[in-house]
């Protein structure tokens, strides 16, 4: 049988992967500090990699030089 402590780790990790913020998880778990809650979380390597890639892509967009709009050419 799986000990309840292991189930708490699993449950909190699943909530975190679903996007529940850590301060909300702290309240759900009844922990006094975020540090305790963070010890319960076991991040998915794929989620961490995807988050890093999304962050890098966002930074690339923000750093990209912005071009001036093309002039409008009216023909008759």
C-alpha atoms as a PDB file:
ATOM      1  CA  UNK A   1       0.000   0.000   0.000  1.00  0.00           C
ATOM      2  CA  UNK A   2       1.245   3.505  -0.855  1.00  0.00           C
ATOM      3  CA  UNK A   3       1.915   5.612   2.237  1.00  0.00           C
ATOM      4  CA  UNK A   4      -0.201   8.791   2.527  1.00  0.00           C
ATOM      5  CA  UNK A   5       2.921  10.962   2.387  1.00  0.00           C
ATOM      6  CA  UNK A   6       3.723   9.614  -1.091  1.00  0.00           C
ATOM      7  CA  UNK A   7       0.172  10.363  -2.201  1.00  0.00           C
ATOM      8  CA  UNK A   8       0.541  13.955  -0.977  1.00  0.00           C
ATOM      9  CA  UNK A   9       3.699  14.304  -3.085  1.00  0.00           C
ATOM     10  CA  UNK A  10       1.950  12.864  -6.118  1.00  0.00           C
ATOM     11  CA  UNK A  11      -1.227  14.898  -5.661  1.00  0.00           C
ATOM     12  CA  UNK A  12       0.580  18.196  -5.174  1.00  0.00           C
ATOM     13  CA  UNK A  13       2.846  17.478  -8.152  1.00  0.00           C
ATOM     14  CA  UNK A  14      -0.157  16.752 -10.374  1.00  0.00           C
ATOM     15  CA  UNK A  15      -1.836  19.976  -9.247  1.00  0.00           C
ATOM     16  CA  UNK A  16       1.368  21.888 -10.030  1.00  0.00           C
ATOM     17  CA  UNK A  17       1.604  20.309 -13.502  1.00  0.00           C
ATOM     18  CA  UNK A  18      -2.007  21.360 -14.100  1.00  0.00           C
ATOM     19  CA  UNK A  19      -0.964  24.961 -13.491  1.00  0.00           C
ATOM     20  CA  UNK A  20      -2.069  25.499  -9.892  1.00  0.00           C
ATOM     21  CA  UNK A  21       0.169  28.175  -8.372  1.00  0.00           C
ATOM     22  CA  UNK A  22       2.453  27.175  -5.516  1.00  0.00           C
ATOM     23  CA  UNK A  23       0.872  29.574  -3.013  1.00  0.00           C
ATOM     24  CA  UNK A  24      -2.483  27.870  -3.650  1.00  0.00           C
ATOM     25  CA  UNK A  25      -0.867  24.447  -3.256  1.00  0.00           C
ATOM     26  CA  UNK A  26       0.537  25.600   0.088  1.00  0.00           C
ATOM     27  CA  UNK A  27      -2.997  26.319   1.296  1.00  0.00           C
ATOM     28  CA  UNK A  28      -4.352  23.026  -0.051  1.00  0.00           C
ATOM     29  CA  UNK A  29      -1.591  21.083   1.729  1.00  0.00           C
ATOM     30  CA  UNK A  30      -1.919  23.117   4.915  1.00  0.00           C
ATOM     31  CA  UNK A  31       1.770  23.989   4.955  1.00  0.00           C
ATOM     32  CA  UNK A  32       3.039  26.992   6.870  1.00  0.00           C
ATOM     33  CA  UNK A  33       5.670  27.963   4.323  1.00  0.00           C
ATOM     34  CA  UNK A  34       6.210  27.771   0.586  1.00  0.00           C
ATOM     35  CA  UNK A  35       9.537  26.030   1.200  1.00  0.00           C
ATOM     36  CA  UNK A  36       7.744  23.038   2.686  1.00  0.00           C
ATOM     37  CA  UNK A  37       5.348  22.867  -0.255  1.00  0.00           C
ATOM     38  CA  UNK A  38       8.197  23.109  -2.751  1.00  0.00           C
ATOM     39  CA  UNK A  39       9.845  20.072  -1.151  1.00  0.00           C
ATOM     40  CA  UNK A  40       6.726  18.071  -1.997  1.00  0.00           C
ATOM     41  CA  UNK A  41       6.800  18.979  -5.684  1.00  0.00           C
ATOM     42  CA  UNK A  42       8.605  16.826  -8.209  1.00  0.00           C
ATOM     43  CA  UNK A  43       8.770  18.789 -11.450  1.00  0.00           C
ATOM     44  CA  UNK A  44       8.465  16.992 -14.750  1.00  0.00           C
ATOM     45  CA  UNK A  45      11.653  17.452 -16.811  1.00  0.00           C
ATOM     46  CA  UNK A  46       9.565  17.890 -19.974  1.00  0.00           C
ATOM     47  CA  UNK A  47       7.534  20.679 -18.341  1.00  0.00           C
ATOM     48  CA  UNK A  48      10.711  22.454 -17.227  1.00  0.00           C
ATOM     49  CA  UNK A  49      12.227  22.157 -20.715  1.00  0.00           C
ATOM     50  CA  UNK A  50       9.018  23.399 -22.368  1.00  0.00           C
ATOM     51  CA  UNK A  51       8.813  26.339 -19.957  1.00  0.00           C
ATOM     52  CA  UNK A  52      12.417  27.283 -20.757  1.00  0.00           C
ATOM     53  CA  UNK A  53      11.764  27.059 -24.496  1.00  0.00           C
ATOM     54  CA  UNK A  54       8.617  29.202 -24.183  1.00  0.00           C
ATOM     55  CA  UNK A  55      10.509  31.778 -22.139  1.00  0.00           C
ATOM     56  CA  UNK A  56      13.377  31.866 -24.654  1.00  0.00           C
ATOM     57  CA  UNK A  57      10.932  32.265 -27.539  1.00  0.00           C
ATOM     58  CA  UNK A  58       9.239  35.158 -25.755  1.00  0.00           C
ATOM     59  CA  UNK A  59      12.583  36.866 -25.151  1.00  0.00           C
ATOM     60  CA  UNK A  60      13.508  36.404 -28.811  1.00  0.00           C
ATOM     61  CA  UNK A  61      10.316  38.164 -29.880  1.00  0.00           C
ATOM     62  CA  UNK A  62      10.949  41.024 -27.475  1.00  0.00           C
ATOM     63  CA  UNK A  63      14.563  41.440 -28.655  1.00  0.00           C
ATOM     64  CA  UNK A  64      13.852  41.164 -32.379  1.00  0.00           C
ATOM     65  CA  UNK A  65      14.384  44.438 -34.242  1.00  0.00           C
ATOM     66  CA  UNK A  66      11.133  45.967 -35.241  1.00  0.00           C
ATOM     67  CA  UNK A  67      10.909  46.938 -38.869  1.00  0.00           C
ATOM     68  CA  UNK A  68       9.075  49.972 -40.107  1.00  0.00           C
ATOM     69  CA  UNK A  69       5.819  49.318 -41.936  1.00  0.00           C
ATOM     70  CA  UNK A  70       6.060  49.187 -45.701  1.00  0.00           C
ATOM     71  CA  UNK A  71       4.892  52.321 -47.489  1.00  0.00           C
ATOM     72  CA  UNK A  72       1.449  52.120 -49.012  1.00  0.00           C
ATOM     73  CA  UNK A  73       1.564  52.367 -52.784  1.00  0.00           C
ATOM     74  CA  UNK A  74      -1.562  53.550 -54.505  1.00  0.00           C
ATOM     75  CA  UNK A  75      -1.947  52.689 -58.173  1.00  0.00           C
ATOM     76  CA  UNK A  76      -4.576  54.014 -60.562  1.00  0.00           C
END
